C-alpha cells in the first residue's frame, strides 16, 4: 500500500451541497459535515491543494454547504460549477482545474455526495489515468446503505482505496508528536470528538 503524504497529494471535494446532503440517508448529515470540515481544515493546515466542484447549484442540488465557503474561501470562489455531468472527471473545466492544482501530485483524496453517483465514477476514472485515489467514506454518503456498500465495492474492485477521516489523518501526519501532528490534533478533537 502506497502511503500518502501532504507533499504528494491533492484533495477533491465533490458536490457537498445543501440539496445533495439531504439525499444521504446512509450517514447522518452531522457526521458528513464534521468529516468534510475536518478534510478542509486538514488541507489548509498541511497546505494540500483543494479543488471544489458542484453540480447544478440552481436546482435541487442547491448551493455548496456554508462550511466550505467559510473554511476555503479562495477555493470556493474558484469552484467548478458543473451542469449535470455525473462523472466530474469528464467535465473539461473540472479536469483542467484538478490538473492545475495537482501539478506533479499523483495521490488523490476524494470525498463528496453522493458516493453512489458523484464519487464512484471520477474515482475510478482517475485510477484509470494513473492516479492513486482514496475515498474518505465518512465524508459522504448515499441515499441508502445498500447504495453506499455497492459504490464502495465497485470502486475497490477498480483499484480505489476506502478510508475514513481519522485513518487518513494518521496516514498523512505519521506522528502526533510532529509539528504537523500538533496542528492537526485540535482539528480532529473538534470535528470528530467534539
C-alpha atoms as a PDB file:
ATOM      1  CA  UNK A   1       0.000   0.000   0.000  1.00  0.00           C
ATOM      2  CA  UNK A   2       1.394   3.361  -1.028  1.00  0.00           C
ATOM      3  CA  UNK A   3       1.339   5.925   1.772  1.00  0.00           C
ATOM      4  CA  UNK A   4       0.120   9.418   1.013  1.00  0.00           C
ATOM      5  CA  UNK A   5       1.983  12.485   2.269  1.00  0.00           C
ATOM      6  CA  UNK A   6       0.986  16.131   2.344  1.00  0.00           C
ATOM      7  CA  UNK A   7       3.536  16.865  -0.395  1.00  0.00           C
ATOM      8  CA  UNK A   8       2.287  14.362  -2.979  1.00  0.00           C
ATOM      9  CA  UNK A   9      -1.462  14.705  -2.507  1.00  0.00           C
ATOM     10  CA  UNK A  10      -4.360  16.789  -3.829  1.00  0.00           C
ATOM     11  CA  UNK A  11      -7.849  16.874  -2.259  1.00  0.00           C
ATOM     12  CA  UNK A  12     -11.089  16.864  -4.244  1.00  0.00           C
ATOM     13  CA  UNK A  13     -14.380  17.705  -2.518  1.00  0.00           C
ATOM     14  CA  UNK A  14     -17.265  16.920  -4.838  1.00  0.00           C
ATOM     15  CA  UNK A  15     -20.866  18.084  -4.578  1.00  0.00           C
ATOM     16  CA  UNK A  16     -21.049  18.829  -0.850  1.00  0.00           C
ATOM     17  CA  UNK A  17     -24.235  20.795  -1.492  1.00  0.00           C
ATOM     18  CA  UNK A  18     -27.217  21.522   0.710  1.00  0.00           C
ATOM     19  CA  UNK A  19     -29.553  19.507  -1.521  1.00  0.00           C
ATOM     20  CA  UNK A  20     -27.296  16.505  -2.029  1.00  0.00           C
ATOM     21  CA  UNK A  21     -26.607  16.456   1.711  1.00  0.00           C
ATOM     22  CA  UNK A  22     -30.309  15.814   2.212  1.00  0.00           C
ATOM     23  CA  UNK A  23     -30.149  12.861  -0.163  1.00  0.00           C
ATOM     24  CA  UNK A  24     -27.713  10.966   2.051  1.00  0.00           C
ATOM     25  CA  UNK A  25     -29.530   8.563   4.337  1.00  0.00           C
ATOM     26  CA  UNK A  26     -26.617   6.147   4.851  1.00  0.00           C
ATOM     27  CA  UNK A  27     -24.857   8.560   7.219  1.00  0.00           C
ATOM     28  CA  UNK A  28     -26.031  11.464   9.339  1.00  0.00           C
ATOM     29  CA  UNK A  29     -25.745  14.999   7.992  1.00  0.00           C
ATOM     30  CA  UNK A  30     -23.806  15.938  11.121  1.00  0.00           C
ATOM     31  CA  UNK A  31     -21.202  13.224  10.508  1.00  0.00           C
ATOM     32  CA  UNK A  32     -20.777  14.145   6.847  1.00  0.00           C
ATOM     33  CA  UNK A  33     -20.385  17.842   7.637  1.00  0.00           C
ATOM     34  CA  UNK A  34     -17.925  17.283  10.500  1.00  0.00           C
ATOM     35  CA  UNK A  35     -15.754  14.947   8.405  1.00  0.00           C
ATOM     36  CA  UNK A  36     -15.883  17.350   5.462  1.00  0.00           C
ATOM     37  CA  UNK A  37     -14.903  20.206   7.761  1.00  0.00           C
ATOM     38  CA  UNK A  38     -12.039  18.044   9.043  1.00  0.00           C
ATOM     39  CA  UNK A  39     -10.812  17.472   5.483  1.00  0.00           C
ATOM     40  CA  UNK A  40     -10.999  21.171   4.608  1.00  0.00           C
ATOM     41  CA  UNK A  41      -9.187  22.197   7.789  1.00  0.00           C
ATOM     42  CA  UNK A  42      -6.614  19.408   7.352  1.00  0.00           C
ATOM     43  CA  UNK A  43      -5.838  20.537   3.802  1.00  0.00           C
ATOM     44  CA  UNK A  44      -5.458  24.122   4.942  1.00  0.00           C
ATOM     45  CA  UNK A  45      -3.202  23.185   7.887  1.00  0.00           C
ATOM     46  CA  UNK A  46      -0.970  20.960   5.736  1.00  0.00           C
ATOM     47  CA  UNK A  47      -1.027  23.114   2.563  1.00  0.00           C
ATOM     48  CA  UNK A  48      -2.675  20.417   0.464  1.00  0.00           C
ATOM     49  CA  UNK A  49      -4.295  21.853  -2.689  1.00  0.00           C
ATOM     50  CA  UNK A  50      -8.097  21.532  -2.762  1.00  0.00           C
ATOM     51  CA  UNK A  51     -10.496  21.662  -5.692  1.00  0.00           C
ATOM     52  CA  UNK A  52     -14.212  22.134  -5.034  1.00  0.00           C
ATOM     53  CA  UNK A  53     -16.938  21.330  -7.523  1.00  0.00           C
ATOM     54  CA  UNK A  54     -20.713  21.490  -7.520  1.00  0.00           C
ATOM     55  CA  UNK A  55     -23.417  20.240  -9.831  1.00  0.00           C
ATOM     56  CA  UNK A  56     -26.413  22.318 -10.864  1.00  0.00           C
ATOM     57  CA  UNK A  57     -26.404  24.687  -7.878  1.00  0.00           C
ATOM     58  CA  UNK A  58     -29.577  26.398  -9.104  1.00  0.00           C
ATOM     59  CA  UNK A  59     -31.559  23.157  -8.976  1.00  0.00           C
ATOM     60  CA  UNK A  60     -32.378  20.576  -6.297  1.00  0.00           C
ATOM     61  CA  UNK A  61     -28.690  20.020  -5.520  1.00  0.00           C
ATOM     62  CA  UNK A  62     -28.536  23.546  -4.094  1.00  0.00           C
ATOM     63  CA  UNK A  63     -25.574  25.687  -3.065  1.00  0.00           C
ATOM     64  CA  UNK A  64     -22.373  24.370  -1.553  1.00  0.00           C
ATOM     65  CA  UNK A  65     -22.579  23.870   2.210  1.00  0.00           C
ATOM     66  CA  UNK A  66     -21.662  27.114   4.014  1.00  0.00           C
ATOM     67  CA  UNK A  67     -18.855  25.388   5.941  1.00  0.00           C
ATOM     68  CA  UNK A  68     -16.752  25.010   2.788  1.00  0.00           C
ATOM     69  CA  UNK A  69     -17.323  28.613   1.762  1.00  0.00           C
ATOM     70  CA  UNK A  70     -16.191  29.678   5.251  1.00  0.00           C
ATOM     71  CA  UNK A  71     -13.175  27.355   5.565  1.00  0.00           C
ATOM     72  CA  UNK A  72     -11.919  27.517   1.967  1.00  0.00           C
ATOM     73  CA  UNK A  73     -12.939  30.935   0.638  1.00  0.00           C
ATOM     74  CA  UNK A  74     -10.411  31.036  -2.236  1.00  0.00           C
ATOM     75  CA  UNK A  75     -11.252  27.504  -3.334  1.00  0.00           C
ATOM     76  CA  UNK A  76     -14.950  28.352  -3.046  1.00  0.00           C
ATOM     77  CA  UNK A  77     -14.544  31.298  -5.428  1.00  0.00           C
ATOM     78  CA  UNK A  78     -12.689  29.047  -7.901  1.00  0.00           C
ATOM     79  CA  UNK A  79     -15.104  26.112  -7.562  1.00  0.00           C
ATOM     80  CA  UNK A  80     -16.083  24.404 -10.786  1.00  0.00           C
ATOM     81  CA  UNK A  81     -19.829  24.586 -11.359  1.00  0.00           C
ATOM     82  CA  UNK A  82     -20.804  21.583 -13.453  1.00  0.00           C
ATOM     83  CA  UNK A  83     -24.066  21.433 -15.353  1.00  0.00           C
ATOM     84  CA  UNK A  84     -25.175  17.896 -14.633  1.00  0.00           C
ATOM     85  CA  UNK A  85     -22.096  15.884 -15.652  1.00  0.00           C
ATOM     86  CA  UNK A  86     -22.258  12.942 -13.223  1.00  0.00           C
ATOM     87  CA  UNK A  87     -18.613  11.909 -13.639  1.00  0.00           C
ATOM     88  CA  UNK A  88     -16.867  15.127 -12.648  1.00  0.00           C
ATOM     89  CA  UNK A  89     -13.644  13.899 -14.277  1.00  0.00           C
ATOM     90  CA  UNK A  90     -15.419  14.078 -17.658  1.00  0.00           C
ATOM     91  CA  UNK A  91     -16.117  17.804 -17.206  1.00  0.00           C
ATOM     92  CA  UNK A  92     -13.397  19.694 -19.117  1.00  0.00           C
ATOM     93  CA  UNK A  93     -13.292  22.632 -16.710  1.00  0.00           C
ATOM     94  CA  UNK A  94     -13.102  20.394 -13.673  1.00  0.00           C
ATOM     95  CA  UNK A  95     -10.378  18.190 -15.104  1.00  0.00           C
ATOM     96  CA  UNK A  96      -8.350  21.277 -16.041  1.00  0.00           C
ATOM     97  CA  UNK A  97      -8.730  22.699 -12.505  1.00  0.00           C
ATOM     98  CA  UNK A  98      -7.654  19.410 -10.921  1.00  0.00           C
ATOM     99  CA  UNK A  99      -4.632  19.021 -13.209  1.00  0.00           C
ATOM    100  CA  UNK A 100      -3.528  22.596 -12.439  1.00  0.00           C
ATOM    101  CA  UNK A 101      -3.954  22.141  -8.671  1.00  0.00           C
ATOM    102  CA  UNK A 102      -2.287  18.733  -8.620  1.00  0.00           C
ATOM    103  CA  UNK A 103       0.769  19.565 -10.711  1.00  0.00           C
ATOM    104  CA  UNK A 104       3.029  16.523 -10.238  1.00  0.00           C
ATOM    105  CA  UNK A 105       0.979  15.151  -7.328  1.00  0.00           C
ATOM    106  CA  UNK A 106      -0.422  11.713  -8.160  1.00  0.00           C
ATOM    107  CA  UNK A 107      -2.212  10.931  -4.886  1.00  0.00           C
ATOM    108  CA  UNK A 108      -5.846  11.969  -4.658  1.00  0.00           C
ATOM    109  CA  UNK A 109      -8.042  12.282  -1.592  1.00  0.00           C
ATOM    110  CA  UNK A 110     -11.683  12.395  -2.672  1.00  0.00           C
ATOM    111  CA  UNK A 111     -14.955  12.848  -0.804  1.00  0.00           C
ATOM    112  CA  UNK A 112     -18.425  14.010  -1.638  1.00  0.00           C
ATOM    113  CA  UNK A 113     -22.099  13.395  -2.137  1.00  0.00           C
ATOM    114  CA  UNK A 114     -23.326  11.027  -3.216  1.00  0.00           C
ATOM    115  CA  UNK A 115     -20.889   8.127  -3.103  1.00  0.00           C
ATOM    116  CA  UNK A 116     -23.010   6.008  -5.436  1.00  0.00           C
ATOM    117  CA  UNK A 117     -23.125   8.618  -8.228  1.00  0.00           C
ATOM    118  CA  UNK A 118     -20.786  11.572  -7.658  1.00  0.00           C
ATOM    119  CA  UNK A 119     -17.778   9.702  -6.244  1.00  0.00           C
ATOM    120  CA  UNK A 120     -17.672   6.190  -7.697  1.00  0.00           C
ATOM    121  CA  UNK A 121     -17.157   7.285 -11.315  1.00  0.00           C
ATOM    122  CA  UNK A 122     -14.483  10.001 -11.016  1.00  0.00           C
ATOM    123  CA  UNK A 123     -12.530   7.903  -8.517  1.00  0.00           C
ATOM    124  CA  UNK A 124     -12.349   5.006 -10.982  1.00  0.00           C
ATOM    125  CA  UNK A 125     -11.614   7.314 -13.940  1.00  0.00           C
ATOM    126  CA  UNK A 126      -8.676   8.871 -12.108  1.00  0.00           C
ATOM    127  CA  UNK A 127      -7.225   5.450 -11.225  1.00  0.00           C
ATOM    128  CA  UNK A 128      -7.513   4.503 -14.894  1.00  0.00           C
ATOM    129  CA  UNK A 129      -5.387   7.572 -15.691  1.00  0.00           C
ATOM    130  CA  UNK A 130      -2.627   6.612 -13.261  1.00  0.00           C
ATOM    131  CA  UNK A 131      -3.630   8.333 -10.010  1.00  0.00           C
ATOM    132  CA  UNK A 132      -3.745   6.675  -6.606  1.00  0.00           C
ATOM    133  CA  UNK A 133      -7.125   7.514  -5.105  1.00  0.00           C
ATOM    134  CA  UNK A 134      -8.555   7.229  -1.606  1.00  0.00           C
ATOM    135  CA  UNK A 135     -12.216   7.945  -0.931  1.00  0.00           C
ATOM    136  CA  UNK A 136     -12.959   9.274   2.553  1.00  0.00           C
ATOM    137  CA  UNK A 137     -16.079   7.220   3.155  1.00  0.00           C
ATOM    138  CA  UNK A 138     -17.430   9.052   6.210  1.00  0.00           C
ATOM    139  CA  UNK A 139     -17.271  12.483   4.495  1.00  0.00           C
ATOM    140  CA  UNK A 140     -20.018  11.424   2.105  1.00  0.00           C
ATOM    141  CA  UNK A 141     -22.985   9.130   1.832  1.00  0.00           C
ATOM    142  CA  UNK A 142     -25.686   7.735  -0.437  1.00  0.00           C
ATOM    143  CA  UNK A 143     -29.492   7.521  -0.427  1.00  0.00           C
ATOM    144  CA  UNK A 144     -29.310   4.029   1.113  1.00  0.00           C
ATOM    145  CA  UNK A 145     -26.748   1.889   2.896  1.00  0.00           C
ATOM    146  CA  UNK A 146     -27.005  -0.616   0.044  1.00  0.00           C
ATOM    147  CA  UNK A 147     -26.078   2.101  -2.464  1.00  0.00           C
ATOM    148  CA  UNK A 148     -23.103   3.099  -0.302  1.00  0.00           C
ATOM    149  CA  UNK A 149     -21.963  -0.522   0.006  1.00  0.00           C
ATOM    150  CA  UNK A 150     -22.221  -1.207  -3.728  1.00  0.00           C
ATOM    151  CA  UNK A 151     -20.347   2.017  -4.559  1.00  0.00           C
ATOM    152  CA  UNK A 152     -17.519   1.040  -2.187  1.00  0.00           C
ATOM    153  CA  UNK A 153     -17.317  -2.485  -3.601  1.00  0.00           C
ATOM    154  CA  UNK A 154     -17.302  -1.104  -7.163  1.00  0.00           C
ATOM    155  CA  UNK A 155     -14.508   1.407  -6.642  1.00  0.00           C
ATOM    156  CA  UNK A 156     -12.410  -1.023  -4.573  1.00  0.00           C
ATOM    157  CA  UNK A 157     -12.645  -3.623  -7.372  1.00  0.00           C
ATOM    158  CA  UNK A 158     -11.236  -0.920  -9.654  1.00  0.00           C
ATOM    159  CA  UNK A 159      -8.243  -0.019  -7.501  1.00  0.00           C
ATOM    160  CA  UNK A 160      -9.617   2.821  -5.355  1.00  0.00           C
ATOM    161  CA  UNK A 161      -8.901   2.663  -1.622  1.00  0.00           C
ATOM    162  CA  UNK A 162     -11.518   3.373   1.016  1.00  0.00           C
ATOM    163  CA  UNK A 163     -10.532   5.267   4.136  1.00  0.00           C
ATOM    164  CA  UNK A 164     -12.062   7.307   6.939  1.00  0.00           C
ATOM    165  CA  UNK A 165     -11.208  10.814   8.061  1.00  0.00           C
ATOM    166  CA  UNK A 166      -9.317   9.605  11.156  1.00  0.00           C
ATOM    167  CA  UNK A 167      -7.409   6.948   9.246  1.00  0.00           C
ATOM    168  CA  UNK A 168      -6.417   9.484   6.600  1.00  0.00           C
ATOM    169  CA  UNK A 169      -5.140  11.943   9.207  1.00  0.00           C
ATOM    170  CA  UNK A 170      -2.975   9.255  10.791  1.00  0.00           C
ATOM    171  CA  UNK A 171      -1.542   8.329   7.408  1.00  0.00           C
ATOM    172  CA  UNK A 172      -0.712  11.914   6.427  1.00  0.00           C
ATOM    173  CA  UNK A 173       0.971  13.013   9.664  1.00  0.00           C
ATOM    174  CA  UNK A 174       2.689   9.758  10.733  1.00  0.00           C
ATOM    175  CA  UNK A 175       3.120  11.022  14.327  1.00  0.00           C
ATOM    176  CA  UNK A 176       1.113  13.241  16.676  1.00  0.00           C
ATOM    177  CA  UNK A 177       4.428  14.462  18.121  1.00  0.00           C
ATOM    178  CA  UNK A 178       5.464  16.222  14.895  1.00  0.00           C
ATOM    179  CA  UNK A 179       4.741  19.856  14.083  1.00  0.00           C
ATOM    180  CA  UNK A 180       2.060  18.717  11.630  1.00  0.00           C
ATOM    181  CA  UNK A 181       0.634  16.369  14.223  1.00  0.00           C
ATOM    182  CA  UNK A 182       0.280  19.214  16.678  1.00  0.00           C
ATOM    183  CA  UNK A 183      -1.507  21.321  14.037  1.00  0.00           C
ATOM    184  CA  UNK A 184      -3.977  18.519  13.395  1.00  0.00           C
ATOM    185  CA  UNK A 185      -4.751  17.374  16.961  1.00  0.00           C
ATOM    186  CA  UNK A 186      -7.216  20.203  17.674  1.00  0.00           C
ATOM    187  CA  UNK A 187      -8.890  19.715  14.292  1.00  0.00           C
ATOM    188  CA  UNK A 188      -9.556  16.035  14.957  1.00  0.00           C
ATOM    189  CA  UNK A 189     -10.616  16.762  18.520  1.00  0.00           C
ATOM    190  CA  UNK A 190     -13.106  19.428  17.470  1.00  0.00           C
ATOM    191  CA  UNK A 191     -14.506  17.808  14.345  1.00  0.00           C
ATOM    192  CA  UNK A 192     -14.589  14.134  15.332  1.00  0.00           C
ATOM    193  CA  UNK A 193     -14.783  14.036  19.110  1.00  0.00           C
ATOM    194  CA  UNK A 194     -16.194  17.499  19.862  1.00  0.00           C
END
